[in-house]
Amino acid sequence: PGAALLLDDARVIHETTPLQPDVGAGHRDTLVLTFRADGFLDPP
C-alpha cells in the first residue's frame, strides 16, 4: 500500500501474473493513470 512507480510506458511490456493465494481467496487492485497530449490509442 502506498507504493508508486513512474516509468516510460512505450518501453514497458505490460502483463499481470495470476494470483496464487496461500490461504483462501486473494485479490489485486491496480490503478493505471496515463497522461498523454494525444488520445490514448494514438501512436506516441
C-alpha atoms as a PDB file:
ATOM      1  CA  PRO A   1       0.000   0.000   0.000  1.00  0.00           C
ATOM      2  CA  GLY A   2       1.182   3.487  -0.794  1.00  0.00           C
ATOM      3  CA  ALA A   3       3.694   2.454  -3.495  1.00  0.00           C
ATOM      4  CA  ALA A   4       4.112   4.311  -6.793  1.00  0.00           C
ATOM      5  CA  LEU A   5       6.005   3.519  -9.988  1.00  0.00           C
ATOM      6  CA  LEU A   6       6.794   6.100 -12.687  1.00  0.00           C
ATOM      7  CA  LEU A   7       8.061   4.705 -15.997  1.00  0.00           C
ATOM      8  CA  ASP A   8       8.309   5.194 -19.756  1.00  0.00           C
ATOM      9  CA  ASP A   9       5.119   3.462 -20.909  1.00  0.00           C
ATOM     10  CA  ALA A  10       6.338   2.997 -24.502  1.00  0.00           C
ATOM     11  CA  ARG A  11       9.279   0.861 -23.306  1.00  0.00           C
ATOM     12  CA  VAL A  12       7.453  -1.474 -20.899  1.00  0.00           C
ATOM     13  CA  ILE A  13       5.923  -4.892 -21.573  1.00  0.00           C
ATOM     14  CA  HIS A  14       2.527  -4.928 -19.842  1.00  0.00           C
ATOM     15  CA  GLU A  15       1.349  -8.112 -18.184  1.00  0.00           C
ATOM     16  CA  THR A  16      -0.170  -9.272 -14.913  1.00  0.00           C
ATOM     17  CA  THR A  17       0.729 -12.519 -13.193  1.00  0.00           C
ATOM     18  CA  PRO A  18      -2.075 -14.760 -11.901  1.00  0.00           C
ATOM     19  CA  LEU A  19      -2.765 -14.694  -8.163  1.00  0.00           C
ATOM     20  CA  GLN A  20      -1.541 -17.649  -6.138  1.00  0.00           C
ATOM     21  CA  PRO A  21      -3.035 -17.133  -2.632  1.00  0.00           C
ATOM     22  CA  ASP A  22      -1.587 -19.239   0.191  1.00  0.00           C
ATOM     23  CA  VAL A  23      -4.890 -19.449   2.064  1.00  0.00           C
ATOM     24  CA  GLY A  24      -8.429 -18.598   0.944  1.00  0.00           C
ATOM     25  CA  ALA A  25      -9.219 -16.123  -1.799  1.00  0.00           C
ATOM     26  CA  GLY A  26      -6.862 -13.413  -2.984  1.00  0.00           C
ATOM     27  CA  HIS A  27      -7.389 -10.053  -4.662  1.00  0.00           C
ATOM     28  CA  ARG A  28      -5.383  -7.475  -6.565  1.00  0.00           C
ATOM     29  CA  ASP A  29      -6.051  -3.769  -7.029  1.00  0.00           C
ATOM     30  CA  THR A  30      -4.348  -1.915  -9.861  1.00  0.00           C
ATOM     31  CA  LEU A  31      -4.779   1.728 -10.846  1.00  0.00           C
ATOM     32  CA  VAL A  32      -3.184   2.909 -14.087  1.00  0.00           C
ATOM     33  CA  LEU A  33      -3.079   6.636 -14.893  1.00  0.00           C
ATOM     34  CA  THR A  34      -1.839   7.668 -18.334  1.00  0.00           C
ATOM     35  CA  PHE A  35      -1.095  11.300 -19.209  1.00  0.00           C
ATOM     36  CA  ARG A  36      -0.689  11.993 -22.940  1.00  0.00           C
ATOM     37  CA  ALA A  37      -1.179  15.045 -25.121  1.00  0.00           C
ATOM     38  CA  ASP A  38      -2.935  12.929 -27.787  1.00  0.00           C
ATOM     39  CA  GLY A  39      -5.585  10.236 -27.412  1.00  0.00           C
ATOM     40  CA  PHE A  40      -4.843   7.022 -25.529  1.00  0.00           C
ATOM     41  CA  LEU A  41      -4.751   4.835 -28.657  1.00  0.00           C
ATOM     42  CA  ASP A  42      -2.834   7.311 -30.844  1.00  0.00           C
ATOM     43  CA  PRO A  43       0.799   6.336 -31.606  1.00  0.00           C
ATOM     44  CA  PRO A  44       3.391   8.043 -29.359  1.00  0.00           C
END
